[in-house]
Amino acid sequence: MAPHDALDTDVVLSIHPPHVANIISRTKNHEFRRYLLPSTVRRLWIYVTRPISAIRYVAIISAGKSPGQLGRDNLSGLRNAEFESGELTKAGLATFAYEILELHQLMPSLRLEEAKSMQWLKGPPQKYNFAKRQMVEDLEDKLVKVFPLDDDGDIVNGGALMVQASLQLDGDMARCASAAIHPASQMDGVKHS
């Protein structure tokens, strides 16, 4: 249950930059976790881990699915077939899948330092944090759709934004690399797929 100053529909979740890039490109269309999010959760505020260290995206998601619930039409995404067959669960990597139905970019991103100063986060989420009501209210009008889907599951008016979002993430990672900061050396201990 969410604390009184938080929303039970929104959580902040950490995802490493390469996985975020796969979400942006739609190579990855499910987020896999070892745990079931509360049934009330419908939006993930994606905290992109080091070297980015910012909330940059918001995903609208499905309810959690177990292996065998993705369906034959939904196996093309990164690791979907492995999840559906139960391989990821047997390997201890993922027990639940959350389909990413829409993706929005927060413009500008919310840096960790700012989120801490506003008392919206205490640090990078280690599992997930319920989003503070004030954070959602203050930031909701700063969301720009990256890939909304139409009734057929096709991207609608989001192609250019998807490219822009991907280029921004790539640029951030390149700047960190040129400054001798390698994302793999900055792992923060968050485990996900």
N, C-alpha and C. Protein backbone atom coordinates (compact mmCIF):
# COMPACT_ATOMS: atom_id res chain seq x y z
N MET A 1 0.84 -1.19 0.00
CA MET A 1 0.00 0.00 0.00
C MET A 1 0.88 1.24 0.00
N ALA A 2 0.48 2.21 -0.77
CA ALA A 2 1.24 3.45 -0.90
C ALA A 2 1.09 4.31 0.35
N PRO A 3 2.17 5.02 0.73
CA PRO A 3 2.05 5.98 1.84
C PRO A 3 1.02 7.05 1.50
N HIS A 4 0.53 7.76 2.49
CA HIS A 4 -0.55 8.73 2.28
C HIS A 4 -0.18 9.86 1.31
N ASP A 5 1.12 10.19 1.19
CA ASP A 5 1.53 11.27 0.28
C ASP A 5 1.95 10.76 -1.09
N ALA A 6 1.66 9.49 -1.36
CA ALA A 6 2.06 8.88 -2.63
C ALA A 6 0.84 8.33 -3.36
N LEU A 7 1.03 8.05 -4.64
CA LEU A 7 -0.03 7.48 -5.46
C LEU A 7 0.17 5.97 -5.56
N ASP A 8 -0.90 5.21 -5.49
CA ASP A 8 -0.76 3.75 -5.63
C ASP A 8 -0.77 3.31 -7.08
N THR A 9 -0.93 4.26 -8.01
CA THR A 9 -0.95 3.94 -9.44
C THR A 9 0.39 4.15 -10.12
N ASP A 10 1.32 4.83 -9.46
CA ASP A 10 2.59 5.23 -10.06
C ASP A 10 3.75 4.81 -9.18
N VAL A 11 4.77 4.18 -9.79
CA VAL A 11 5.98 3.84 -9.05
C VAL A 11 7.19 4.34 -9.82
N VAL A 12 8.27 4.61 -9.07
CA VAL A 12 9.55 4.96 -9.65
C VAL A 12 10.40 3.70 -9.61
N LEU A 13 10.98 3.35 -10.76
CA LEU A 13 11.69 2.09 -10.92
C LEU A 13 13.01 2.38 -11.63
N SER A 14 14.09 1.74 -11.19
CA SER A 14 15.40 1.92 -11.82
C SER A 14 15.57 0.95 -12.98
N ILE A 15 16.09 1.47 -14.10
CA ILE A 15 16.42 0.65 -15.26
C ILE A 15 17.74 1.16 -15.82
N HIS A 16 18.65 0.25 -16.15
CA HIS A 16 19.96 0.62 -16.70
C HIS A 16 19.82 1.17 -18.12
N PRO A 17 20.71 2.11 -18.51
CA PRO A 17 20.61 2.76 -19.81
C PRO A 17 20.49 1.84 -21.02
N PRO A 18 21.24 0.74 -21.12
CA PRO A 18 21.07 -0.10 -22.32
C PRO A 18 19.65 -0.69 -22.44
N HIS A 19 19.05 -1.00 -21.30
CA HIS A 19 17.68 -1.54 -21.32
C HIS A 19 16.68 -0.45 -21.69
N VAL A 20 16.93 0.78 -21.24
CA VAL A 20 16.07 1.90 -21.61
C VAL A 20 16.16 2.14 -23.12
N ALA A 21 17.37 2.05 -23.67
CA ALA A 21 17.54 2.22 -25.12
C ALA A 21 16.73 1.16 -25.87
N ASN A 22 16.70 -0.06 -25.36
CA ASN A 22 15.91 -1.12 -26.00
C ASN A 22 14.41 -0.86 -25.90
N ILE A 23 13.98 -0.23 -24.81
CA ILE A 23 12.57 0.13 -24.67
C ILE A 23 12.22 1.22 -25.68
N ILE A 24 13.07 2.23 -25.78
CA ILE A 24 12.83 3.34 -26.71
C ILE A 24 12.71 2.82 -28.14
N SER A 25 13.58 1.90 -28.52
CA SER A 25 13.59 1.39 -29.88
C SER A 25 12.50 0.35 -30.13
N ARG A 26 11.79 -0.02 -29.08
CA ARG A 26 10.73 -1.03 -29.12
C ARG A 26 11.28 -2.44 -29.35
N THR A 27 12.60 -2.60 -29.23
CA THR A 27 13.19 -3.93 -29.25
C THR A 27 12.70 -4.69 -28.03
N LYS A 28 12.57 -3.98 -26.93
CA LYS A 28 12.08 -4.54 -25.67
C LYS A 28 10.70 -3.95 -25.42
N ASN A 29 9.66 -4.79 -25.37
CA ASN A 29 8.31 -4.28 -25.16
C ASN A 29 7.68 -4.78 -23.87
N HIS A 30 8.46 -5.45 -23.05
CA HIS A 30 8.03 -5.85 -21.71
C HIS A 30 9.18 -5.55 -20.73
N GLU A 31 8.82 -5.15 -19.55
CA GLU A 31 9.80 -5.03 -18.46
C GLU A 31 9.61 -6.25 -17.58
N PHE A 32 10.70 -6.97 -17.34
CA PHE A 32 10.65 -8.20 -16.56
C PHE A 32 11.18 -7.95 -15.16
N ARG A 33 10.49 -8.51 -14.19
CA ARG A 33 10.87 -8.38 -12.79
C ARG A 33 10.68 -9.70 -12.07
N ARG A 34 11.36 -9.84 -10.95
CA ARG A 34 11.22 -11.03 -10.11
C ARG A 34 10.01 -10.91 -9.18
N TYR A 35 9.44 -9.75 -9.12
CA TYR A 35 8.35 -9.49 -8.17
C TYR A 35 7.14 -8.92 -8.89
N LEU A 36 5.99 -9.11 -8.25
CA LEU A 36 4.74 -8.59 -8.76
C LEU A 36 4.52 -7.20 -8.18
N LEU A 37 4.34 -6.23 -9.06
CA LEU A 37 3.98 -4.89 -8.60
C LEU A 37 2.55 -4.93 -8.09
N PRO A 38 2.18 -4.04 -7.18
CA PRO A 38 0.78 -3.99 -6.74
C PRO A 38 -0.17 -3.85 -7.93
N SER A 39 -1.32 -4.46 -7.84
CA SER A 39 -2.28 -4.47 -8.96
C SER A 39 -2.78 -3.09 -9.34
N THR A 40 -2.60 -2.11 -8.47
CA THR A 40 -3.04 -0.75 -8.76
C THR A 40 -2.07 0.02 -9.65
N VAL A 41 -0.84 -0.47 -9.81
CA VAL A 41 0.19 0.26 -10.56
C VAL A 41 -0.08 0.20 -12.05
N ARG A 42 -0.10 1.37 -12.68
CA ARG A 42 -0.31 1.48 -14.12
C ARG A 42 0.78 2.27 -14.82
N ARG A 43 1.61 3.01 -14.04
CA ARG A 43 2.67 3.81 -14.66
C ARG A 43 3.99 3.59 -13.93
N LEU A 44 5.05 3.44 -14.76
CA LEU A 44 6.41 3.36 -14.24
C LEU A 44 7.12 4.66 -14.57
N TRP A 45 7.59 5.35 -13.55
CA TRP A 45 8.45 6.51 -13.75
C TRP A 45 9.85 5.93 -13.79
N ILE A 46 10.47 5.95 -14.96
CA ILE A 46 11.73 5.24 -15.17
C ILE A 46 12.91 6.12 -14.78
N TYR A 47 13.57 5.68 -13.71
CA TYR A 47 14.82 6.30 -13.27
C TYR A 47 15.93 5.59 -14.04
N VAL A 48 16.59 6.32 -14.94
CA VAL A 48 17.69 5.76 -15.72
C VAL A 48 18.94 5.83 -14.83
N THR A 49 19.54 4.67 -14.58
CA THR A 49 20.65 4.60 -13.63
C THR A 49 21.91 5.28 -14.16
N ARG A 50 22.97 5.20 -13.39
CA ARG A 50 24.25 5.81 -13.75
C ARG A 50 24.68 5.37 -15.12
N PRO A 51 25.23 6.23 -15.89
CA PRO A 51 25.70 7.57 -15.57
C PRO A 51 24.64 8.66 -15.74
N ILE A 52 23.41 8.30 -16.16
CA ILE A 52 22.37 9.30 -16.39
C ILE A 52 21.83 9.85 -15.07
N SER A 53 21.41 8.95 -14.17
CA SER A 53 20.93 9.31 -12.83
C SER A 53 19.79 10.33 -12.86
N ALA A 54 18.74 9.97 -13.59
CA ALA A 54 17.59 10.88 -13.70
C ALA A 54 16.33 10.10 -14.05
N ILE A 55 15.19 10.64 -13.62
CA ILE A 55 13.91 10.14 -14.12
C ILE A 55 13.72 10.79 -15.47
N ARG A 56 13.63 9.96 -16.51
CA ARG A 56 13.58 10.50 -17.86
C ARG A 56 12.36 10.05 -18.64
N TYR A 57 11.74 8.93 -18.27
CA TYR A 57 10.61 8.38 -19.02
C TYR A 57 9.52 7.91 -18.08
N VAL A 58 8.32 7.83 -18.62
CA VAL A 58 7.17 7.26 -17.92
C VAL A 58 6.52 6.27 -18.87
N ALA A 59 6.37 5.04 -18.39
CA ALA A 59 5.74 4.00 -19.21
C ALA A 59 4.38 3.65 -18.64
N ILE A 60 3.41 3.54 -19.50
CA ILE A 60 2.11 3.00 -19.11
C ILE A 60 2.20 1.50 -19.37
N ILE A 61 1.86 0.72 -18.35
CA ILE A 61 2.08 -0.72 -18.42
C ILE A 61 0.80 -1.53 -18.21
N SER A 62 0.90 -2.79 -18.59
CA SER A 62 -0.18 -3.74 -18.32
C SER A 62 -0.04 -4.24 -16.89
N ALA A 63 -1.00 -5.00 -16.46
CA ALA A 63 -0.87 -5.73 -15.20
C ALA A 63 0.22 -6.78 -15.38
N GLY A 64 0.77 -7.26 -14.28
CA GLY A 64 1.81 -8.28 -14.35
C GLY A 64 1.30 -9.56 -14.98
N LYS A 65 2.15 -10.16 -15.80
CA LYS A 65 1.82 -11.41 -16.47
C LYS A 65 2.82 -12.46 -16.03
N SER A 66 2.36 -13.69 -15.94
CA SER A 66 3.21 -14.83 -15.61
C SER A 66 3.60 -15.56 -16.89
N PRO A 67 4.63 -16.42 -16.82
CA PRO A 67 4.95 -17.21 -18.01
C PRO A 67 3.72 -17.96 -18.50
N GLY A 68 3.55 -17.96 -19.82
CA GLY A 68 2.39 -18.58 -20.43
C GLY A 68 1.25 -17.62 -20.69
N GLN A 69 1.38 -16.36 -20.23
CA GLN A 69 0.31 -15.38 -20.40
C GLN A 69 0.59 -14.31 -21.45
N LEU A 70 1.78 -14.34 -22.08
CA LEU A 70 2.06 -13.32 -23.09
C LEU A 70 1.29 -13.57 -24.38
N GLY A 71 1.12 -14.81 -24.74
CA GLY A 71 0.41 -15.14 -25.96
C GLY A 71 1.34 -15.27 -27.15
N ARG A 72 0.95 -16.05 -28.13
CA ARG A 72 1.77 -16.32 -29.31
C ARG A 72 2.04 -15.07 -30.13
N ASP A 73 1.14 -14.11 -30.10
CA ASP A 73 1.31 -12.89 -30.90
C ASP A 73 2.27 -11.90 -30.27
N ASN A 74 2.78 -12.21 -29.09
CA ASN A 74 3.58 -11.24 -28.34
C ASN A 74 4.96 -11.81 -28.00
N LEU A 75 5.54 -12.60 -28.88
CA LEU A 75 6.82 -13.24 -28.58
C LEU A 75 8.01 -12.59 -29.25
N SER A 76 7.79 -11.57 -30.07
CA SER A 76 8.89 -10.99 -30.84
C SER A 76 9.78 -10.04 -30.05
N GLY A 77 9.34 -9.52 -28.92
CA GLY A 77 10.15 -8.60 -28.14
C GLY A 77 11.34 -9.29 -27.48
N LEU A 78 12.34 -8.50 -27.14
CA LEU A 78 13.55 -9.00 -26.50
C LEU A 78 13.21 -9.82 -25.26
N ARG A 79 13.57 -11.09 -25.26
CA ARG A 79 13.43 -12.07 -24.17
C ARG A 79 11.99 -12.50 -23.91
N ASN A 80 11.04 -12.05 -24.75
CA ASN A 80 9.64 -12.45 -24.55
C ASN A 80 9.46 -13.97 -24.66
N ALA A 81 10.05 -14.58 -25.68
CA ALA A 81 9.89 -16.02 -25.88
C ALA A 81 10.48 -16.80 -24.71
N GLU A 82 11.64 -16.33 -24.21
CA GLU A 82 12.27 -16.99 -23.05
C GLU A 82 11.40 -16.87 -21.81
N PHE A 83 10.77 -15.70 -21.65
CA PHE A 83 9.89 -15.52 -20.50
C PHE A 83 8.66 -16.42 -20.64
N GLU A 84 8.05 -16.39 -21.83
CA GLU A 84 6.81 -17.14 -22.06
C GLU A 84 7.01 -18.64 -21.80
N SER A 85 8.17 -19.16 -22.17
CA SER A 85 8.44 -20.59 -21.99
C SER A 85 8.81 -20.94 -20.55
N GLY A 86 9.06 -19.94 -19.73
CA GLY A 86 9.44 -20.19 -18.34
C GLY A 86 10.94 -20.23 -18.10
N GLU A 87 11.73 -20.06 -19.15
CA GLU A 87 13.19 -20.11 -19.01
C GLU A 87 13.71 -19.02 -18.06
N LEU A 88 13.20 -17.80 -18.18
CA LEU A 88 13.68 -16.72 -17.31
C LEU A 88 13.33 -16.97 -15.86
N THR A 89 12.17 -17.57 -15.63
CA THR A 89 11.75 -17.88 -14.26
C THR A 89 12.63 -18.99 -13.69
N LYS A 90 12.86 -20.04 -14.46
CA LYS A 90 13.71 -21.14 -14.00
C LYS A 90 15.12 -20.67 -13.68
N ALA A 91 15.61 -19.70 -14.45
CA ALA A 91 16.95 -19.15 -14.23
C ALA A 91 16.98 -18.13 -13.10
N GLY A 92 15.82 -17.84 -12.51
CA GLY A 92 15.76 -16.86 -11.42
C GLY A 92 15.87 -15.42 -11.86
N LEU A 93 15.63 -15.17 -13.15
CA LEU A 93 15.78 -13.82 -13.68
C LEU A 93 14.49 -13.00 -13.69
N ALA A 94 13.35 -13.65 -13.90
CA ALA A 94 12.09 -12.91 -13.98
C ALA A 94 10.91 -13.83 -13.74
N THR A 95 9.99 -13.35 -12.93
CA THR A 95 8.77 -14.10 -12.65
C THR A 95 7.55 -13.41 -13.24
N PHE A 96 7.67 -12.09 -13.48
CA PHE A 96 6.55 -11.31 -14.00
C PHE A 96 7.00 -10.41 -15.15
N ALA A 97 6.09 -10.20 -16.09
CA ALA A 97 6.34 -9.33 -17.24
C ALA A 97 5.28 -8.25 -17.26
N TYR A 98 5.69 -7.03 -17.56
CA TYR A 98 4.79 -5.89 -17.67
C TYR A 98 4.92 -5.33 -19.07
N GLU A 99 3.86 -5.42 -19.86
CA GLU A 99 3.91 -4.91 -21.22
C GLU A 99 3.97 -3.38 -21.20
N ILE A 100 4.84 -2.83 -22.01
CA ILE A 100 4.98 -1.38 -22.12
C ILE A 100 4.04 -0.92 -23.23
N LEU A 101 2.93 -0.34 -22.83
CA LEU A 101 1.87 0.05 -23.76
C LEU A 101 2.12 1.42 -24.38
N GLU A 102 2.68 2.32 -23.60
CA GLU A 102 3.00 3.67 -24.06
C GLU A 102 4.27 4.12 -23.36
N LEU A 103 4.99 5.02 -24.01
CA LEU A 103 6.18 5.61 -23.39
C LEU A 103 6.12 7.11 -23.58
N HIS A 104 6.39 7.83 -22.52
CA HIS A 104 6.42 9.29 -22.53
C HIS A 104 7.79 9.73 -22.03
N GLN A 105 8.29 10.82 -22.58
CA GLN A 105 9.56 11.37 -22.13
C GLN A 105 9.29 12.58 -21.25
N LEU A 106 9.97 12.63 -20.11
CA LEU A 106 9.88 13.77 -19.21
C LEU A 106 10.86 14.82 -19.70
N MET A 107 10.33 16.01 -20.03
CA MET A 107 11.16 17.06 -20.59
C MET A 107 11.02 18.34 -19.78
N PRO A 108 12.06 18.75 -19.08
CA PRO A 108 13.37 18.12 -18.98
C PRO A 108 13.34 16.96 -17.97
N SER A 109 14.40 16.16 -18.02
CA SER A 109 14.54 15.04 -17.08
C SER A 109 14.64 15.58 -15.65
N LEU A 110 14.29 14.72 -14.71
CA LEU A 110 14.41 15.07 -13.29
C LEU A 110 15.66 14.40 -12.74
N ARG A 111 16.71 15.19 -12.52
CA ARG A 111 17.97 14.67 -11.99
C ARG A 111 17.77 14.20 -10.55
N LEU A 112 18.55 13.22 -10.16
CA LEU A 112 18.45 12.65 -8.83
C LEU A 112 18.60 13.72 -7.74
N GLU A 113 19.56 14.61 -7.91
CA GLU A 113 19.79 15.66 -6.91
C GLU A 113 18.54 16.51 -6.70
N GLU A 114 17.87 16.84 -7.80
CA GLU A 114 16.66 17.66 -7.71
C GLU A 114 15.53 16.87 -7.04
N ALA A 115 15.38 15.61 -7.40
CA ALA A 115 14.34 14.77 -6.79
C ALA A 115 14.57 14.63 -5.29
N LYS A 116 15.83 14.53 -4.90
CA LYS A 116 16.16 14.45 -3.46
C LYS A 116 15.88 15.77 -2.76
N SER A 117 16.22 16.88 -3.41
CA SER A 117 16.00 18.19 -2.78
C SER A 117 14.50 18.48 -2.62
N MET A 118 13.68 17.93 -3.51
CA MET A 118 12.23 18.11 -3.41
C MET A 118 11.60 17.06 -2.47
N GLN A 119 12.43 16.16 -1.96
CA GLN A 119 12.00 15.06 -1.09
C GLN A 119 11.05 14.09 -1.80
N TRP A 120 11.27 13.93 -3.11
CA TRP A 120 10.49 12.98 -3.89
C TRP A 120 11.16 11.63 -3.93
N LEU A 121 12.49 11.62 -3.79
CA LEU A 121 13.28 10.39 -3.69
C LEU A 121 14.32 10.58 -2.60
N LYS A 122 14.70 9.46 -1.97
CA LYS A 122 15.81 9.50 -1.00
C LYS A 122 17.11 9.10 -1.67
N GLY A 123 17.00 8.40 -2.79
CA GLY A 123 18.14 7.93 -3.57
C GLY A 123 17.60 7.13 -4.74
N PRO A 124 18.48 6.50 -5.52
CA PRO A 124 17.99 5.68 -6.63
C PRO A 124 17.11 4.55 -6.10
N PRO A 125 15.98 4.29 -6.70
CA PRO A 125 15.12 3.19 -6.22
C PRO A 125 15.86 1.86 -6.33
N GLN A 126 15.85 1.09 -5.25
CA GLN A 126 16.50 -0.21 -5.26
C GLN A 126 15.56 -1.32 -5.72
N LYS A 127 14.29 -1.18 -5.47
CA LYS A 127 13.27 -2.09 -5.98
C LYS A 127 12.29 -1.19 -6.72
N TYR A 128 11.43 -0.55 -5.98
CA TYR A 128 10.58 0.50 -6.54
C TYR A 128 10.11 1.36 -5.38
N ASN A 129 9.77 2.59 -5.71
CA ASN A 129 9.18 3.52 -4.74
C ASN A 129 7.86 3.99 -5.30
N PHE A 130 6.85 4.08 -4.46
CA PHE A 130 5.62 4.73 -4.91
C PHE A 130 5.93 6.19 -5.19
N ALA A 131 5.41 6.71 -6.29
CA ALA A 131 5.66 8.09 -6.68
C ALA A 131 4.90 9.03 -5.75
N LYS A 132 5.57 10.07 -5.32
CA LYS A 132 4.94 11.08 -4.48
C LYS A 132 3.88 11.82 -5.30
N ARG A 133 2.75 12.04 -4.68
CA ARG A 133 1.63 12.72 -5.33
C ARG A 133 2.07 14.08 -5.90
N GLN A 134 2.84 14.84 -5.13
CA GLN A 134 3.27 16.17 -5.57
C GLN A 134 4.19 16.08 -6.78
N MET A 135 5.05 15.06 -6.82
CA MET A 135 5.94 14.87 -7.97
C MET A 135 5.12 14.66 -9.24
N VAL A 136 4.16 13.75 -9.16
CA VAL A 136 3.33 13.45 -10.34
C VAL A 136 2.56 14.69 -10.77
N GLU A 137 1.97 15.41 -9.82
CA GLU A 137 1.21 16.61 -10.16
C GLU A 137 2.10 17.67 -10.81
N ASP A 138 3.33 17.83 -10.28
CA ASP A 138 4.23 18.86 -10.82
C ASP A 138 4.82 18.49 -12.18
N LEU A 139 4.97 17.20 -12.46
CA LEU A 139 5.67 16.78 -13.67
C LEU A 139 4.77 16.28 -14.80
N GLU A 140 3.53 15.97 -14.49
CA GLU A 140 2.65 15.36 -15.48
C GLU A 140 2.52 16.18 -16.77
N ASP A 141 2.51 17.50 -16.65
CA ASP A 141 2.36 18.34 -17.84
C ASP A 141 3.66 18.48 -18.62
N LYS A 142 4.74 17.84 -18.15
CA LYS A 142 6.03 17.89 -18.83
C LYS A 142 6.33 16.59 -19.58
N LEU A 143 5.30 15.77 -19.74
CA LEU A 143 5.46 14.49 -20.43
C LEU A 143 5.10 14.64 -21.90
N VAL A 144 5.97 14.11 -22.76
CA VAL A 144 5.75 14.13 -24.21
C VAL A 144 5.73 12.68 -24.68
N LYS A 145 4.70 12.34 -25.45
CA LYS A 145 4.57 10.95 -25.92
C LYS A 145 5.72 10.59 -26.85
N VAL A 146 6.30 9.43 -26.61
CA VAL A 146 7.34 8.89 -27.48
C VAL A 146 6.72 7.87 -28.42
N PHE A 147 5.98 6.92 -27.87
CA PHE A 147 5.28 5.98 -28.74
C PHE A 147 3.93 5.58 -28.19
N PRO A 148 2.94 6.43 -28.39
CA PRO A 148 1.58 5.98 -28.11
C PRO A 148 1.17 4.97 -29.17
N LEU A 149 0.32 4.05 -28.82
CA LEU A 149 -0.12 3.01 -29.75
C LEU A 149 -1.57 3.21 -30.14
N ASP A 150 -1.89 2.88 -31.39
CA ASP A 150 -3.27 2.92 -31.82
C ASP A 150 -3.93 1.57 -31.52
N ASP A 151 -5.15 1.38 -31.94
CA ASP A 151 -5.90 0.15 -31.64
C ASP A 151 -5.26 -1.10 -32.23
N ASP A 152 -4.44 -0.93 -33.28
CA ASP A 152 -3.77 -2.07 -33.90
C ASP A 152 -2.38 -2.31 -33.33
N GLY A 153 -1.97 -1.50 -32.34
CA GLY A 153 -0.65 -1.66 -31.75
C GLY A 153 0.45 -0.99 -32.55
N ASP A 154 0.08 -0.11 -33.50
CA ASP A 154 1.07 0.59 -34.31
C ASP A 154 1.45 1.92 -33.65
N ILE A 155 2.69 2.35 -33.88
CA ILE A 155 3.15 3.63 -33.35
C ILE A 155 2.42 4.74 -34.06
N VAL A 156 1.93 5.71 -33.29
CA VAL A 156 1.19 6.84 -33.83
C VAL A 156 1.95 8.12 -33.51
N ASN A 157 2.36 8.85 -34.52
CA ASN A 157 2.99 10.16 -34.35
C ASN A 157 4.13 10.15 -33.34
N GLY A 158 4.80 9.05 -33.17
CA GLY A 158 5.86 8.99 -32.18
C GLY A 158 7.22 8.68 -32.74
N GLY A 159 7.30 8.37 -34.03
CA GLY A 159 8.56 7.95 -34.61
C GLY A 159 9.68 8.95 -34.42
N ALA A 160 9.43 10.22 -34.70
CA ALA A 160 10.47 11.24 -34.56
C ALA A 160 10.88 11.40 -33.11
N LEU A 161 9.91 11.36 -32.20
CA LEU A 161 10.24 11.49 -30.78
C LEU A 161 11.02 10.27 -30.29
N MET A 162 10.72 9.09 -30.84
CA MET A 162 11.44 7.89 -30.45
C MET A 162 12.90 8.03 -30.85
N VAL A 163 13.16 8.53 -32.03
CA VAL A 163 14.54 8.74 -32.48
C VAL A 163 15.22 9.79 -31.62
N GLN A 164 14.52 10.88 -31.32
CA GLN A 164 15.08 11.94 -30.49
C GLN A 164 15.44 11.42 -29.10
N ALA A 165 14.54 10.64 -28.50
CA ALA A 165 14.79 10.10 -27.17
C ALA A 165 15.99 9.17 -27.18
N SER A 166 16.09 8.34 -28.20
CA SER A 166 17.20 7.41 -28.31
C SER A 166 18.52 8.15 -28.50
N LEU A 167 18.52 9.18 -29.36
CA LEU A 167 19.72 9.96 -29.58
C LEU A 167 20.16 10.68 -28.32
N GLN A 168 19.21 11.19 -27.54
CA GLN A 168 19.56 11.87 -26.29
C GLN A 168 20.24 10.90 -25.34
N LEU A 169 19.69 9.70 -25.19
CA LEU A 169 20.28 8.70 -24.31
C LEU A 169 21.67 8.31 -24.81
N ASP A 170 21.81 8.08 -26.13
CA ASP A 170 23.11 7.74 -26.70
C ASP A 170 24.12 8.86 -26.47
N GLY A 171 23.69 10.11 -26.64
CA GLY A 171 24.58 11.25 -26.43
C GLY A 171 25.04 11.35 -24.99
N ASP A 172 24.14 11.12 -24.05
CA ASP A 172 24.51 11.16 -22.63
C ASP A 172 25.55 10.09 -22.32
N MET A 173 25.35 8.89 -22.87
CA MET A 173 26.29 7.81 -22.61
C MET A 173 27.65 8.10 -23.26
N ALA A 174 27.65 8.69 -24.45
CA ALA A 174 28.90 9.03 -25.13
C ALA A 174 29.67 10.08 -24.35
N ARG A 175 28.97 11.09 -23.81
CA ARG A 175 29.64 12.12 -23.02
C ARG A 175 30.28 11.51 -21.79
N CYS A 176 29.59 10.56 -21.16
CA CYS A 176 30.17 9.90 -19.98
C CYS A 176 31.38 9.07 -20.37
N ALA A 177 31.33 8.42 -21.52
CA ALA A 177 32.46 7.60 -21.98
C ALA A 177 33.66 8.49 -22.26
N SER A 178 33.43 9.65 -22.86
CA SER A 178 34.55 10.54 -23.17
C SER A 178 35.15 11.14 -21.91
N ALA A 179 34.38 11.14 -20.84
CA ALA A 179 34.88 11.63 -19.56
C ALA A 179 35.45 10.49 -18.72
N ALA A 180 35.67 9.33 -19.37
CA ALA A 180 36.24 8.14 -18.73
C ALA A 180 35.33 7.54 -17.67
N ILE A 181 34.02 7.75 -17.82
CA ILE A 181 33.05 7.11 -16.93
C ILE A 181 32.36 6.05 -17.77
N HIS A 182 32.55 4.82 -17.42
CA HIS A 182 31.93 3.74 -18.18
C HIS A 182 30.71 3.24 -17.43
N PRO A 183 29.53 3.19 -18.10
CA PRO A 183 28.31 2.77 -17.43
C PRO A 183 28.44 1.43 -16.70
N ALA A 184 29.14 0.47 -17.29
CA ALA A 184 29.26 -0.84 -16.64
C ALA A 184 30.04 -0.76 -15.35
N SER A 185 30.95 0.22 -15.23
CA SER A 185 31.72 0.35 -14.00
C SER A 185 30.95 1.12 -12.94
N GLN A 186 29.80 1.62 -13.31
CA GLN A 186 29.00 2.43 -12.40
C GLN A 186 27.76 1.69 -11.93
N MET A 187 27.75 0.39 -11.99
CA MET A 187 26.57 -0.38 -11.61
C MET A 187 26.18 -0.04 -10.18
N ASP A 188 24.90 0.11 -9.96
CA ASP A 188 24.43 0.51 -8.64
C ASP A 188 23.74 -0.64 -7.90
N GLY A 189 23.89 -1.85 -8.39
CA GLY A 189 23.35 -3.00 -7.68
C GLY A 189 21.90 -3.31 -7.98
N VAL A 190 21.24 -2.54 -8.82
CA VAL A 190 19.85 -2.79 -9.14
C VAL A 190 19.80 -3.96 -10.11
N LYS A 191 18.99 -4.97 -9.80
CA LYS A 191 18.90 -6.14 -10.68
C LYS A 191 17.57 -6.14 -11.39
N HIS A 192 17.61 -6.25 -12.69
CA HIS A 192 16.41 -6.38 -13.52
C HIS A 192 16.85 -6.88 -14.86
N SER A 193 15.92 -7.07 -15.75
CA SER A 193 16.27 -7.54 -17.10
C SER A 193 16.02 -6.47 -18.12
